[in-house]
Protein backbone atom coordinates (compact mmCIF):
# COMPACT_ATOMS: atom_id res chain seq x y z
CA MET A 1 -157.33 221.84 166.05
CA ILE A 2 -155.29 222.89 162.90
CA CYS A 3 -153.66 219.53 161.98
CA LEU A 4 -157.68 218.19 162.27
CA CYS A 5 -159.14 220.54 160.07
CA ILE A 6 -156.44 219.77 157.35
CA ILE A 7 -157.00 216.01 157.58
CA GLU A 8 -161.00 216.70 157.50
CA PHE A 9 -160.33 218.81 154.33
CA ILE A 10 -158.01 215.84 152.80
CA PHE A 11 -160.42 213.56 153.53
CA PHE A 12 -163.52 215.51 151.91
CA PHE A 13 -161.59 216.30 149.10
CA PHE A 14 -160.70 212.92 147.85
CA GLN A 15 -164.41 211.95 148.53
CA ALA A 16 -165.60 214.33 146.83
CA GLU A 17 -163.48 213.96 143.50
CA ASP A 18 -163.91 210.13 143.19
CA GLY A 19 -167.63 210.84 142.75
CA ILE A 20 -168.57 210.58 146.69
CA ARG A 21 -170.33 212.93 148.11
CA ASP A 22 -171.68 211.80 151.53
CA LEU A 23 -168.73 211.89 154.33
CA VAL A 24 -168.55 208.30 155.71
CA ARG A 25 -165.72 207.96 157.84
CA SER A 26 -165.85 204.33 158.00
CA ARG A 27 -164.63 203.79 154.43
CA GLY A 28 -160.86 205.84 154.62
CA LEU A 29 -159.47 206.23 151.76
CA GLY A 30 -157.92 203.04 151.53
CA ASP A 31 -161.78 201.55 150.64
CA VAL A 32 -162.35 204.13 148.22
CA TYR A 33 -158.72 203.54 146.20
CA LYS A 34 -159.82 199.81 146.18
CA ARG A 35 -162.91 200.94 143.82
CA GLN A 36 -161.70 203.72 142.46
CA LEU A 37 -157.78 203.57 141.70
CA TYR A 38 -158.41 202.55 137.76
CA ARG A 39 -161.69 204.89 136.64
CA ARG A 40 -160.51 208.24 137.98
CA GLY A 41 -163.73 210.00 136.59
CA ARG A 42 -163.30 207.69 133.65
CA ASP A 43 -166.80 206.40 134.48
CA SER A 44 -168.17 210.25 133.17
CA GLY A 45 -167.43 213.47 132.44
CA TRP A 46 -165.09 214.89 129.90
CA ILE A 47 -162.85 212.36 130.23
CA ARG A 48 -165.11 209.59 128.68
CA GLU A 49 -166.82 211.36 126.41
CA ILE A 50 -164.31 213.41 124.41
CA LEU A 51 -160.76 212.93 125.68
CA GLU A 52 -161.31 208.71 125.68
CA GLY A 53 -164.48 208.76 123.74
CA SER A 54 -165.80 207.01 120.98
CA VAL A 55 -163.37 208.68 118.69
CA TYR A 56 -160.37 206.05 119.67
CA LEU A 57 -162.57 203.40 118.21
CA LEU A 58 -161.31 205.07 115.11
CA ILE A 59 -157.29 206.37 115.93
CA SER A 60 -156.97 202.42 117.10
CA GLY A 61 -158.26 200.72 114.13
CA LEU A 62 -161.55 198.87 115.13
CA TYR A 63 -163.58 200.92 113.01
CA ASN A 64 -161.98 201.87 109.69
CA ALA A 65 -161.50 206.04 108.96
CA ASP A 66 -163.72 205.92 105.87
CA SER A 67 -166.58 203.54 107.30
CA LYS A 68 -170.11 204.97 107.98
CA GLN A 69 -169.50 204.42 111.76
CA ALA A 70 -166.67 206.61 111.70
CA GLY A 71 -168.87 209.36 109.84
CA TRP A 72 -171.52 209.21 112.20
CA ILE A 73 -169.03 209.27 115.21
CA LEU A 74 -167.06 212.10 113.61
CA ASP A 75 -170.42 213.99 112.95
CA ASP A 76 -171.35 213.40 116.94
CA PHE A 77 -168.20 214.78 117.99
CA GLN A 78 -168.13 217.96 115.53
CA ASP A 79 -171.95 218.92 115.76
CA ASN A 80 -172.33 218.01 119.57
CA ARG A 81 -169.23 216.81 122.28
CA TYR A 82 -166.84 219.74 121.13
CA MET A 83 -169.49 222.22 121.12
CA SER A 84 -171.15 221.17 124.59
CA PRO A 85 -170.37 223.17 127.72
CA ASP A 86 -170.31 220.70 129.79
CA PHE A 87 -167.19 219.16 128.06
CA GLY A 88 -165.33 222.57 126.84
CA TYR A 89 -165.89 226.22 126.71
CA PRO A 90 -169.21 228.52 126.73
CA VAL A 91 -169.87 229.46 123.29
CA PHE A 92 -172.40 232.42 123.87
CA ASP A 93 -173.82 232.05 119.38
CA ALA A 94 -172.44 228.35 118.70
CA SER A 95 -174.37 228.90 114.81
CA ARG A 96 -171.94 232.07 114.11
CA LEU A 97 -169.23 231.16 115.86
CA TRP A 98 -168.64 227.34 115.35
CA PHE A 99 -166.06 227.53 112.87
CA ASP A 100 -164.26 229.77 114.95
CA VAL A 101 -164.14 227.77 117.91
CA GLY A 102 -165.50 224.58 117.07
CA GLY A 103 -163.35 221.54 116.63
CA PHE A 104 -161.87 221.25 120.30
CA SER A 105 -163.06 221.42 124.21
CA ALA A 106 -161.00 221.87 127.36
CA GLN A 107 -157.19 220.59 126.97
CA PRO A 108 -157.69 221.09 123.46
CA ASN A 109 -154.07 220.03 122.05
CA LEU A 110 -154.53 216.84 124.09
CA LEU A 111 -157.61 215.66 122.30
CA ALA A 112 -156.60 213.48 119.16
CA GLY A 113 -160.15 213.90 117.34
CA LEU A 114 -158.24 215.58 114.38
CA MET A 115 -156.35 212.16 113.47
CA PRO A 116 -159.30 210.08 112.03
CA HIS A 117 -159.49 213.52 109.62
CA LEU A 118 -155.85 213.04 108.64
CA ASP A 119 -156.85 209.46 107.66
CA ARG A 120 -159.75 210.15 105.85
CA ASP A 121 -157.45 212.46 103.72
CA GLU A 122 -160.08 215.64 104.86
CA PRO A 123 -157.11 217.96 105.26
CA GLU A 124 -159.22 220.94 105.57
CA VAL A 125 -161.15 219.84 108.52
CA TYR A 126 -157.41 218.57 109.99
CA ILE A 127 -155.90 222.24 109.34
CA TRP A 128 -159.17 223.72 110.81
CA MET A 129 -158.71 222.00 114.18
CA PHE A 130 -155.02 222.05 114.54
CA LEU A 131 -155.25 225.80 114.00
CA ASN A 132 -158.07 226.50 116.11
CA ALA A 133 -156.24 224.30 119.26
CA TRP A 134 -152.89 226.11 118.55
CA ALA A 135 -154.59 228.99 118.68
CA ALA A 136 -156.81 228.75 121.79
CA CYS A 137 -153.86 226.96 123.71
CA TYR A 138 -150.43 229.17 122.39
CA ARG A 139 -149.49 232.12 124.25
CA GLU A 140 -146.82 234.63 123.00
CA ASP A 141 -145.44 235.90 126.21
CA VAL A 142 -143.97 232.64 127.16
CA CYS A 143 -143.43 231.04 123.92
CA ALA A 144 -145.40 227.80 124.71
CA MET A 145 -148.62 225.98 125.05
CA VAL A 146 -150.97 226.05 128.48
CA GLU A 147 -152.97 223.60 130.00
CA HIS A 148 -156.00 224.89 128.54
CA PRO A 149 -157.85 228.09 128.54
CA GLN A 150 -159.74 228.75 131.94
CA PRO A 151 -161.93 230.14 132.69
CA ILE A 152 -162.80 231.13 129.37
CA LEU A 153 -160.84 231.17 125.56
CA GLY A 154 -158.66 233.68 125.94
CA HIS A 155 -157.67 233.08 129.52
CA SER A 156 -155.15 230.57 130.40
CA ASN A 157 -154.56 228.27 133.48
CA CYS A 158 -151.84 228.13 135.66
CA ALA A 159 -149.87 224.96 133.86
CA ILE A 160 -147.78 227.51 131.40
CA VAL A 161 -145.65 224.63 129.70
CA LYS A 162 -147.80 220.98 129.61
CA THR A 163 -145.03 219.08 127.85
CA SER A 164 -147.71 216.55 126.51
CA ASP A 165 -149.87 219.05 124.64
CA GLN A 166 -147.02 220.93 123.05
CA ALA A 167 -145.67 217.40 122.03
CA ASN A 168 -149.18 216.59 120.27
CA ALA A 169 -149.00 219.91 118.51
CA MET A 170 -145.92 219.68 117.00
CA LYS A 171 -146.10 216.17 116.23
CA TRP A 172 -149.35 217.37 114.57
CA LEU A 173 -147.69 219.96 112.90
CA SER A 174 -145.55 217.46 111.21
CA TYR A 175 -148.19 215.27 109.91
CA MET A 176 -149.01 218.31 107.49
CA PHE A 177 -145.34 218.00 105.64
CA VAL A 178 -144.76 213.90 106.13
CA TYR A 179 -147.30 211.14 107.16
CA GLY A 180 -146.49 207.55 107.51
CA PRO A 181 -149.44 205.43 108.44
CA GLU A 182 -149.41 201.77 107.70
CA ASP A 183 -150.75 202.22 103.89
CA GLY A 184 -148.03 204.34 102.82
CA LEU A 185 -145.99 207.57 103.14
CA TYR A 186 -147.68 210.87 102.21
CA LEU A 187 -145.76 213.87 102.08
CA GLY A 188 -147.29 217.19 101.86
CA ARG A 189 -150.95 215.88 102.77
CA ALA A 190 -152.49 218.62 104.83
CA ILE A 191 -149.98 221.75 104.35
CA PRO A 192 -152.40 224.84 104.15
CA ARG A 193 -152.28 226.05 100.67
CA GLU A 194 -151.53 229.72 101.84
CA TRP A 195 -148.58 228.13 102.66
CA LEU A 196 -147.73 227.25 98.93
CA SER A 197 -148.11 230.62 98.07
CA GLY A 198 -145.43 233.82 96.82
CA ARG A 199 -141.76 232.83 97.33
CA ARG A 200 -141.20 231.72 100.74
CA GLU A 201 -139.52 227.83 101.03
CA ILE A 202 -141.54 225.49 103.67
CA SER A 203 -139.73 222.66 105.34
CA ALA A 204 -139.72 219.75 107.94
CA GLU A 205 -136.32 218.16 108.33
CA GLY A 206 -135.39 214.81 110.23
CA LEU A 207 -139.32 213.70 111.13
CA CYS A 208 -139.09 210.14 111.82
CA THR A 209 -141.50 207.95 110.66
CA ARG A 210 -142.03 203.28 110.83
CA TYR A 211 -140.10 203.44 107.56
CA GLY A 212 -137.06 205.99 107.81
CA GLU A 213 -136.23 209.70 108.43
CA VAL A 214 -137.72 212.18 105.64
CA SER A 215 -137.42 215.62 104.98
CA VAL A 216 -138.65 217.61 102.72
CA ARG A 217 -138.95 221.02 100.93
CA TYR A 218 -141.26 222.86 98.98
CA LYS A 219 -140.28 225.84 96.98
CA PRO A 220 -143.00 227.46 95.09
CA GLU A 221 -142.69 229.78 91.91
CA VAL A 222 -144.01 233.76 92.90
CA ASP A 223 -146.80 233.42 89.91
CA GLY A 224 -147.83 230.03 90.97
CA SER A 225 -146.99 228.64 87.96
CA ARG A 226 -144.70 225.82 89.60
CA ILE A 227 -143.80 224.15 93.18
CA ALA A 228 -140.81 222.29 93.22
CA CYS A 229 -140.70 219.62 96.42
CA ASP A 230 -137.15 218.30 97.59
CA ALA A 231 -137.66 214.91 99.24
CA GLU A 232 -134.86 213.12 101.46
CA LEU A 233 -135.64 210.08 101.94
CA ALA A 234 -133.81 207.70 104.40
CA LEU A 235 -135.85 204.84 104.27
CA LYS A 236 -134.86 201.61 105.79
CA ALA A 237 -138.54 200.06 105.16
CA ALA A 238 -140.55 200.42 101.87
CA PRO A 239 -143.82 201.84 102.07
CA GLY A 240 -146.61 200.24 99.71
CA ARG A 241 -146.49 203.57 98.48
CA VAL A 242 -145.04 206.93 98.23
CA VAL A 243 -147.50 210.00 97.71
CA VAL A 244 -145.80 214.02 97.41
CA ARG A 245 -149.14 216.44 97.31
CA PHE A 246 -149.19 219.79 95.97
CA ARG A 247 -152.31 221.97 97.63
CA HIS A 248 -151.82 224.68 94.87
CA PRO A 249 -152.82 228.06 96.60
CA GLU A 250 -155.97 228.18 94.08
CA LYS A 251 -156.92 224.30 93.56
CA LYS A 252 -155.10 224.62 90.23
CA PRO A 253 -155.02 221.17 88.70
CA ILE A 254 -150.91 219.73 88.24
CA GLN A 255 -150.39 219.86 84.53
CA SER A 256 -147.02 218.00 83.82
CA VAL A 257 -144.62 216.66 86.12
CA THR A 258 -141.07 215.79 86.43
CA VAL A 259 -138.87 213.79 88.94
CA ASN A 260 -135.27 214.01 89.25
CA GLY A 261 -135.70 216.15 86.16
CA GLU A 262 -137.56 213.71 83.78
CA LYS A 263 -141.04 214.19 82.76
CA TRP A 264 -143.29 211.41 85.09
CA ASP A 265 -146.99 209.99 84.32
CA LYS A 266 -148.04 209.07 87.43
CA PHE A 267 -149.73 211.99 89.32
CA ASP A 268 -153.61 212.93 89.92
CA ALA A 269 -154.32 216.12 88.58
CA GLY A 270 -157.42 216.48 90.33
CA LYS A 271 -156.08 215.97 94.26
CA GLY A 272 -152.59 217.13 93.92
CA ASP A 273 -151.09 213.70 93.87
CA VAL A 274 -147.91 212.47 92.55
CA ASP A 275 -146.42 208.79 93.06
CA ILE A 276 -143.13 208.16 93.39
CA THR A 277 -143.21 204.96 94.97
CA GLY A 278 -140.40 203.18 95.10
CA LEU A 279 -137.73 205.75 94.72
CA SER A 280 -135.45 206.98 97.83
CA GLY A 281 -132.49 208.88 98.92
CA ALA A 282 -133.01 212.59 97.20
CA VAL A 283 -135.51 213.30 95.01
CA ARG A 284 -136.93 216.53 93.15
CA VAL A 285 -140.27 216.36 92.33
CA GLU A 286 -141.61 219.80 90.04
CA ALA A 287 -145.59 219.68 89.30
CA GLY A 288 -146.36 222.66 86.69
CA PHE A 289 -149.91 224.14 86.67
């Protein structure tokens, strides 16, 4: 009797999981999986709408991240999909809490929706999405990322170490320092401005890119008058461009630049970008404000 009950439960469980509510014994599990094996819920719900949703038209490059279609897709995710309780967490006052709990849904560090914002050179949005997802999943007691908060934000499910999610979070953290898409190599593109205040040095070492291994270290002056960037560019392929960004904590424009001790005039004062295309090895860039 016990064995029979277990078989009945397993049979019903798989049928329900595959979106089939009626218990029809003649189908059997084999027949169910012939039709459902390659869908696994991808025809509806969170997987289709969020995890593998239309944002992948941008991530895959089918739509340029700067296109008007990309803008429509990203606005839809931010305004509707991420904030929908059907796909994420219940938000009881969305208009007031949007900044604190927006930019992600269930299993926050599995979602790559922040990447088009980095490609669009929208560092503030990228940082906001990254930090919200990190805060939602990181647990100090285990020093690890949980799979996702359940049943609401602030709680955890039983998967206290989720390798795929942690790997994503660390990769996206490294992209703040070193990002190497097809069009070039970008250092410091999305470093939070606050990290460049005071005397604290920040660095990332031995990061692998399609162009080679890169290390970067930022050293700000305590009064904010100068920020130095020491880069090690062990390049095996030449990027189309190499740009070092200085995101001043007070948004001050660059006044002067030196590269390896020599005066340098290839910079965008407002954006804080210094073009060092063609250089490799040890490079020291200093920006004055």
